[in-house]
Amino acid sequence: MDAHILKVYVPMTETGFYILLCFREESHGYSVVRKVEELTGGEIRISPGTMYGSLSKMEKDGLIQFVREEEKRKIYCITDLGREVLALEMKRIERLYQNMMEVRRNENEKN
């Protein structure tokens, strides 16, 4: 993985994370917007401008790829590089969560 990809995508924005997470299955942009709203209980809403800008950038950087067009909707899926980047981010988030839980346990033991 080259330095540009690491610099731009690690750590990821929540939007980027959710987009890659959703493209583990073939999908189109609007479907991802709906899925992210569902996953986050409406806390994260990706605007069309953000979505299509992200799709363009991620495709150019090789994280997702165009698969086919269905009813005027472009279907994309994650690439091997995208899976690597997503795995790095998932590992980083897991570490953050584990650290947070450890700090909480230590605080609770002191009280």
N, C-alpha and C. Protein backbone atom coordinates (compact mmCIF):
# COMPACT_ATOMS: atom_id res chain seq x y z
N MET A 1 0.85 -1.18 0.00
CA MET A 1 0.00 0.00 0.00
C MET A 1 0.90 1.24 0.00
N ASP A 2 0.62 2.15 -0.91
CA ASP A 2 1.52 3.29 -1.02
C ASP A 2 1.21 4.39 0.00
N ALA A 3 2.15 5.29 0.15
CA ALA A 3 2.08 6.35 1.16
C ALA A 3 0.88 7.26 0.95
N HIS A 4 0.52 7.53 -0.30
CA HIS A 4 -0.63 8.39 -0.59
C HIS A 4 -1.91 7.82 0.01
N ILE A 5 -2.14 6.54 -0.19
CA ILE A 5 -3.35 5.89 0.33
C ILE A 5 -3.36 5.94 1.84
N LEU A 6 -2.23 5.64 2.48
CA LEU A 6 -2.15 5.69 3.94
C LEU A 6 -2.41 7.10 4.46
N LYS A 7 -1.83 8.08 3.80
CA LYS A 7 -1.98 9.47 4.24
C LYS A 7 -3.43 9.95 4.12
N VAL A 8 -4.08 9.57 3.03
CA VAL A 8 -5.44 10.06 2.76
C VAL A 8 -6.50 9.29 3.53
N TYR A 9 -6.30 7.98 3.71
CA TYR A 9 -7.38 7.15 4.24
C TYR A 9 -7.18 6.60 5.65
N VAL A 10 -6.01 6.77 6.23
CA VAL A 10 -5.80 6.23 7.58
C VAL A 10 -5.33 7.35 8.49
N PRO A 11 -6.09 7.75 9.50
CA PRO A 11 -7.43 7.25 9.83
C PRO A 11 -8.47 7.76 8.85
N MET A 12 -9.58 7.03 8.78
CA MET A 12 -10.65 7.37 7.84
C MET A 12 -11.68 8.28 8.50
N THR A 13 -12.39 8.98 7.65
CA THR A 13 -13.58 9.70 8.13
C THR A 13 -14.67 8.65 8.35
N GLU A 14 -15.67 9.00 9.15
CA GLU A 14 -16.79 8.08 9.33
C GLU A 14 -17.46 7.78 8.01
N THR A 15 -17.61 8.80 7.19
CA THR A 15 -18.24 8.62 5.89
C THR A 15 -17.48 7.61 5.05
N GLY A 16 -16.17 7.78 4.94
CA GLY A 16 -15.35 6.85 4.18
C GLY A 16 -15.43 5.44 4.72
N PHE A 17 -15.40 5.33 6.03
CA PHE A 17 -15.49 4.01 6.68
C PHE A 17 -16.78 3.32 6.30
N TYR A 18 -17.89 4.02 6.47
CA TYR A 18 -19.18 3.40 6.17
C TYR A 18 -19.35 3.07 4.70
N ILE A 19 -18.83 3.91 3.82
CA ILE A 19 -18.92 3.63 2.39
C ILE A 19 -18.18 2.33 2.07
N LEU A 20 -16.94 2.20 2.54
CA LEU A 20 -16.19 0.96 2.27
C LEU A 20 -16.86 -0.24 2.93
N LEU A 21 -17.36 -0.06 4.14
CA LEU A 21 -18.03 -1.15 4.85
C LEU A 21 -19.22 -1.65 4.03
N CYS A 22 -19.99 -0.73 3.47
CA CYS A 22 -21.17 -1.11 2.68
C CYS A 22 -20.81 -1.73 1.34
N PHE A 23 -19.70 -1.33 0.74
CA PHE A 23 -19.33 -1.86 -0.56
C PHE A 23 -18.65 -3.22 -0.49
N ARG A 24 -18.65 -3.83 0.68
CA ARG A 24 -18.19 -5.22 0.74
C ARG A 24 -19.16 -6.09 -0.07
N GLU A 25 -20.37 -5.57 -0.28
CA GLU A 25 -21.33 -6.19 -1.19
C GLU A 25 -21.57 -5.20 -2.33
N GLU A 26 -21.77 -5.70 -3.53
CA GLU A 26 -22.05 -4.81 -4.66
C GLU A 26 -23.27 -3.96 -4.35
N SER A 27 -23.17 -2.67 -4.68
CA SER A 27 -24.25 -1.76 -4.35
C SER A 27 -24.10 -0.48 -5.17
N HIS A 28 -25.09 0.39 -5.06
CA HIS A 28 -25.01 1.71 -5.69
C HIS A 28 -25.05 2.77 -4.59
N GLY A 29 -24.69 3.99 -4.95
CA GLY A 29 -24.54 5.06 -3.97
C GLY A 29 -25.77 5.32 -3.11
N TYR A 30 -26.94 5.39 -3.73
CA TYR A 30 -28.15 5.69 -2.95
C TYR A 30 -28.44 4.58 -1.94
N SER A 31 -28.20 3.34 -2.34
CA SER A 31 -28.39 2.22 -1.43
C SER A 31 -27.46 2.34 -0.22
N VAL A 32 -26.23 2.77 -0.46
CA VAL A 32 -25.27 2.96 0.64
C VAL A 32 -25.75 4.07 1.57
N VAL A 33 -26.27 5.15 1.00
CA VAL A 33 -26.79 6.25 1.82
C VAL A 33 -27.87 5.72 2.77
N ARG A 34 -28.79 4.94 2.25
CA ARG A 34 -29.88 4.38 3.07
C ARG A 34 -29.33 3.42 4.12
N LYS A 35 -28.38 2.56 3.72
CA LYS A 35 -27.81 1.58 4.64
C LYS A 35 -27.07 2.26 5.80
N VAL A 36 -26.32 3.32 5.51
CA VAL A 36 -25.59 4.04 6.56
C VAL A 36 -26.56 4.68 7.54
N GLU A 37 -27.64 5.27 7.03
CA GLU A 37 -28.65 5.84 7.92
C GLU A 37 -29.23 4.76 8.82
N GLU A 38 -29.49 3.60 8.24
CA GLU A 38 -30.05 2.48 9.00
C GLU A 38 -29.07 1.99 10.06
N LEU A 39 -27.80 1.79 9.67
CA LEU A 39 -26.78 1.29 10.60
C LEU A 39 -26.55 2.24 11.77
N THR A 40 -26.65 3.53 11.52
CA THR A 40 -26.32 4.53 12.55
C THR A 40 -27.56 5.11 13.23
N GLY A 41 -28.71 4.54 12.97
CA GLY A 41 -29.93 5.06 13.58
C GLY A 41 -30.21 6.50 13.16
N GLY A 42 -29.80 6.86 11.97
CA GLY A 42 -30.02 8.20 11.46
C GLY A 42 -29.01 9.24 11.91
N GLU A 43 -28.02 8.83 12.70
CA GLU A 43 -27.02 9.79 13.19
C GLU A 43 -26.09 10.26 12.10
N ILE A 44 -25.85 9.42 11.10
CA ILE A 44 -25.00 9.83 9.99
C ILE A 44 -25.84 9.78 8.72
N ARG A 45 -25.91 10.93 8.07
CA ARG A 45 -26.62 11.05 6.80
C ARG A 45 -25.63 11.58 5.77
N ILE A 46 -25.40 10.80 4.75
CA ILE A 46 -24.45 11.19 3.71
C ILE A 46 -25.22 11.91 2.61
N SER A 47 -24.83 13.14 2.36
CA SER A 47 -25.50 13.92 1.31
C SER A 47 -25.07 13.39 -0.06
N PRO A 48 -25.91 13.62 -1.08
CA PRO A 48 -25.53 13.16 -2.42
C PRO A 48 -24.18 13.72 -2.88
N GLY A 49 -23.91 14.98 -2.59
CA GLY A 49 -22.63 15.57 -3.00
C GLY A 49 -21.45 14.88 -2.35
N THR A 50 -21.57 14.60 -1.06
CA THR A 50 -20.51 13.89 -0.34
C THR A 50 -20.35 12.48 -0.88
N MET A 51 -21.48 11.80 -1.09
CA MET A 51 -21.43 10.42 -1.57
C MET A 51 -20.74 10.34 -2.92
N TYR A 52 -21.19 11.14 -3.87
CA TYR A 52 -20.65 11.00 -5.22
C TYR A 52 -19.23 11.53 -5.32
N GLY A 53 -18.88 12.50 -4.51
CA GLY A 53 -17.49 12.94 -4.44
C GLY A 53 -16.60 11.85 -3.88
N SER A 54 -17.09 11.18 -2.84
CA SER A 54 -16.33 10.08 -2.23
C SER A 54 -16.19 8.91 -3.20
N LEU A 55 -17.27 8.58 -3.90
CA LEU A 55 -17.21 7.47 -4.87
C LEU A 55 -16.17 7.75 -5.94
N SER A 56 -16.18 8.97 -6.45
CA SER A 56 -15.24 9.34 -7.50
C SER A 56 -13.80 9.22 -7.00
N LYS A 57 -13.54 9.76 -5.80
CA LYS A 57 -12.20 9.73 -5.23
C LYS A 57 -11.76 8.30 -4.92
N MET A 58 -12.64 7.51 -4.31
CA MET A 58 -12.29 6.14 -3.95
C MET A 58 -12.06 5.28 -5.19
N GLU A 59 -12.84 5.53 -6.24
CA GLU A 59 -12.63 4.77 -7.48
C GLU A 59 -11.28 5.16 -8.10
N LYS A 60 -11.00 6.45 -8.14
CA LYS A 60 -9.73 6.94 -8.70
C LYS A 60 -8.54 6.36 -7.92
N ASP A 61 -8.69 6.25 -6.59
CA ASP A 61 -7.60 5.74 -5.75
C ASP A 61 -7.56 4.21 -5.69
N GLY A 62 -8.52 3.55 -6.33
CA GLY A 62 -8.49 2.09 -6.42
C GLY A 62 -9.08 1.35 -5.24
N LEU A 63 -9.87 2.03 -4.39
CA LEU A 63 -10.48 1.37 -3.24
C LEU A 63 -11.80 0.69 -3.58
N ILE A 64 -12.49 1.24 -4.58
CA ILE A 64 -13.71 0.62 -5.08
C ILE A 64 -13.60 0.56 -6.60
N GLN A 65 -14.43 -0.28 -7.19
CA GLN A 65 -14.43 -0.35 -8.65
C GLN A 65 -15.86 -0.44 -9.16
N PHE A 66 -16.06 0.14 -10.33
CA PHE A 66 -17.33 0.07 -11.03
C PHE A 66 -17.52 -1.36 -11.51
N VAL A 67 -18.72 -1.90 -11.30
CA VAL A 67 -19.01 -3.27 -11.69
C VAL A 67 -19.91 -3.30 -12.93
N ARG A 68 -21.02 -2.55 -12.86
CA ARG A 68 -21.97 -2.51 -13.96
C ARG A 68 -22.99 -1.41 -13.70
N GLU A 69 -23.83 -1.18 -14.67
CA GLU A 69 -24.91 -0.20 -14.51
C GLU A 69 -26.24 -0.93 -14.53
N GLU A 70 -27.12 -0.58 -13.58
CA GLU A 70 -28.46 -1.15 -13.52
C GLU A 70 -29.45 -0.01 -13.38
N GLU A 71 -30.35 0.09 -14.33
CA GLU A 71 -31.38 1.14 -14.28
C GLU A 71 -30.78 2.52 -14.01
N LYS A 72 -29.75 2.85 -14.76
CA LYS A 72 -29.05 4.14 -14.66
C LYS A 72 -28.32 4.36 -13.34
N ARG A 73 -28.15 3.30 -12.57
CA ARG A 73 -27.39 3.39 -11.31
C ARG A 73 -26.10 2.62 -11.47
N LYS A 74 -24.99 3.25 -11.06
CA LYS A 74 -23.70 2.59 -11.13
C LYS A 74 -23.52 1.69 -9.91
N ILE A 75 -23.19 0.46 -10.17
CA ILE A 75 -22.95 -0.52 -9.10
C ILE A 75 -21.44 -0.62 -8.89
N TYR A 76 -21.03 -0.53 -7.62
CA TYR A 76 -19.62 -0.60 -7.25
C TYR A 76 -19.41 -1.73 -6.24
N CYS A 77 -18.15 -2.12 -6.09
CA CYS A 77 -17.77 -3.03 -5.00
C CYS A 77 -16.36 -2.66 -4.55
N ILE A 78 -16.03 -3.12 -3.38
CA ILE A 78 -14.72 -2.85 -2.79
C ILE A 78 -13.65 -3.68 -3.52
N THR A 79 -12.46 -3.14 -3.63
CA THR A 79 -11.33 -3.85 -4.24
C THR A 79 -10.47 -4.48 -3.14
N ASP A 80 -9.46 -5.22 -3.54
CA ASP A 80 -8.53 -5.78 -2.55
C ASP A 80 -7.85 -4.67 -1.76
N LEU A 81 -7.46 -3.59 -2.45
CA LEU A 81 -6.85 -2.46 -1.75
C LEU A 81 -7.84 -1.84 -0.77
N GLY A 82 -9.07 -1.70 -1.18
CA GLY A 82 -10.10 -1.17 -0.29
C GLY A 82 -10.28 -2.05 0.94
N ARG A 83 -10.23 -3.36 0.75
CA ARG A 83 -10.35 -4.29 1.88
C ARG A 83 -9.17 -4.12 2.85
N GLU A 84 -7.98 -3.91 2.30
CA GLU A 84 -6.80 -3.68 3.14
C GLU A 84 -6.96 -2.41 3.98
N VAL A 85 -7.40 -1.34 3.32
CA VAL A 85 -7.59 -0.07 4.02
C VAL A 85 -8.68 -0.21 5.09
N LEU A 86 -9.78 -0.87 4.73
CA LEU A 86 -10.87 -1.08 5.70
C LEU A 86 -10.39 -1.92 6.88
N ALA A 87 -9.61 -2.94 6.61
CA ALA A 87 -9.08 -3.79 7.69
C ALA A 87 -8.19 -2.99 8.63
N LEU A 88 -7.35 -2.13 8.08
CA LEU A 88 -6.50 -1.27 8.92
C LEU A 88 -7.36 -0.39 9.82
N GLU A 89 -8.39 0.19 9.24
CA GLU A 89 -9.26 1.08 10.02
C GLU A 89 -10.04 0.31 11.07
N MET A 90 -10.51 -0.87 10.73
CA MET A 90 -11.24 -1.68 11.71
C MET A 90 -10.33 -2.06 12.88
N LYS A 91 -9.10 -2.39 12.56
CA LYS A 91 -8.13 -2.72 13.62
C LYS A 91 -7.88 -1.50 14.51
N ARG A 92 -7.76 -0.32 13.90
CA ARG A 92 -7.55 0.91 14.66
C ARG A 92 -8.74 1.20 15.57
N ILE A 93 -9.95 1.02 15.05
CA ILE A 93 -11.16 1.27 15.85
C ILE A 93 -11.26 0.26 16.99
N GLU A 94 -10.94 -1.00 16.72
CA GLU A 94 -10.95 -2.02 17.77
C GLU A 94 -9.97 -1.66 18.88
N ARG A 95 -8.77 -1.18 18.48
CA ARG A 95 -7.78 -0.78 19.48
C ARG A 95 -8.31 0.37 20.33
N LEU A 96 -8.92 1.36 19.68
CA LEU A 96 -9.50 2.49 20.41
C LEU A 96 -10.54 2.00 21.41
N TYR A 97 -11.41 1.10 20.96
CA TYR A 97 -12.46 0.58 21.83
C TYR A 97 -11.86 -0.18 23.01
N GLN A 98 -10.87 -1.03 22.74
CA GLN A 98 -10.23 -1.80 23.82
C GLN A 98 -9.56 -0.87 24.83
N ASN A 99 -8.88 0.17 24.34
CA ASN A 99 -8.25 1.13 25.24
C ASN A 99 -9.28 1.86 26.10
N MET A 100 -10.37 2.26 25.48
CA MET A 100 -11.43 2.94 26.21
C MET A 100 -12.00 2.04 27.31
N MET A 101 -12.25 0.78 26.98
CA MET A 101 -12.81 -0.15 27.95
C MET A 101 -11.83 -0.40 29.10
N GLU A 102 -10.55 -0.47 28.79
CA GLU A 102 -9.54 -0.67 29.83
C GLU A 102 -9.51 0.53 30.78
N VAL A 103 -9.55 1.72 30.24
CA VAL A 103 -9.56 2.92 31.07
C VAL A 103 -10.81 2.93 31.95
N ARG A 104 -11.95 2.57 31.39
CA ARG A 104 -13.19 2.52 32.18
C ARG A 104 -13.09 1.51 33.32
N ARG A 105 -12.55 0.31 32.99
CA ARG A 105 -12.40 -0.71 34.04
C ARG A 105 -11.51 -0.21 35.16
N ASN A 106 -10.39 0.43 34.79
CA ASN A 106 -9.46 0.96 35.80
C ASN A 106 -10.13 2.03 36.65
N GLU A 107 -10.92 2.88 36.02
CA GLU A 107 -11.64 3.91 36.77
C GLU A 107 -12.65 3.29 37.73
N ASN A 108 -13.36 2.27 37.27
CA ASN A 108 -14.37 1.62 38.11
C ASN A 108 -13.72 0.89 39.29
N GLU A 109 -12.54 0.32 39.07
CA GLU A 109 -11.84 -0.38 40.15
C GLU A 109 -11.38 0.60 41.24
N LYS A 110 -11.09 1.84 40.86
CA LYS A 110 -10.65 2.85 41.81
C LYS A 110 -11.81 3.38 42.64
N ASN A 111 -13.01 3.29 42.12
CA ASN A 111 -14.19 3.84 42.82
C ASN A 111 -14.84 2.85 43.73
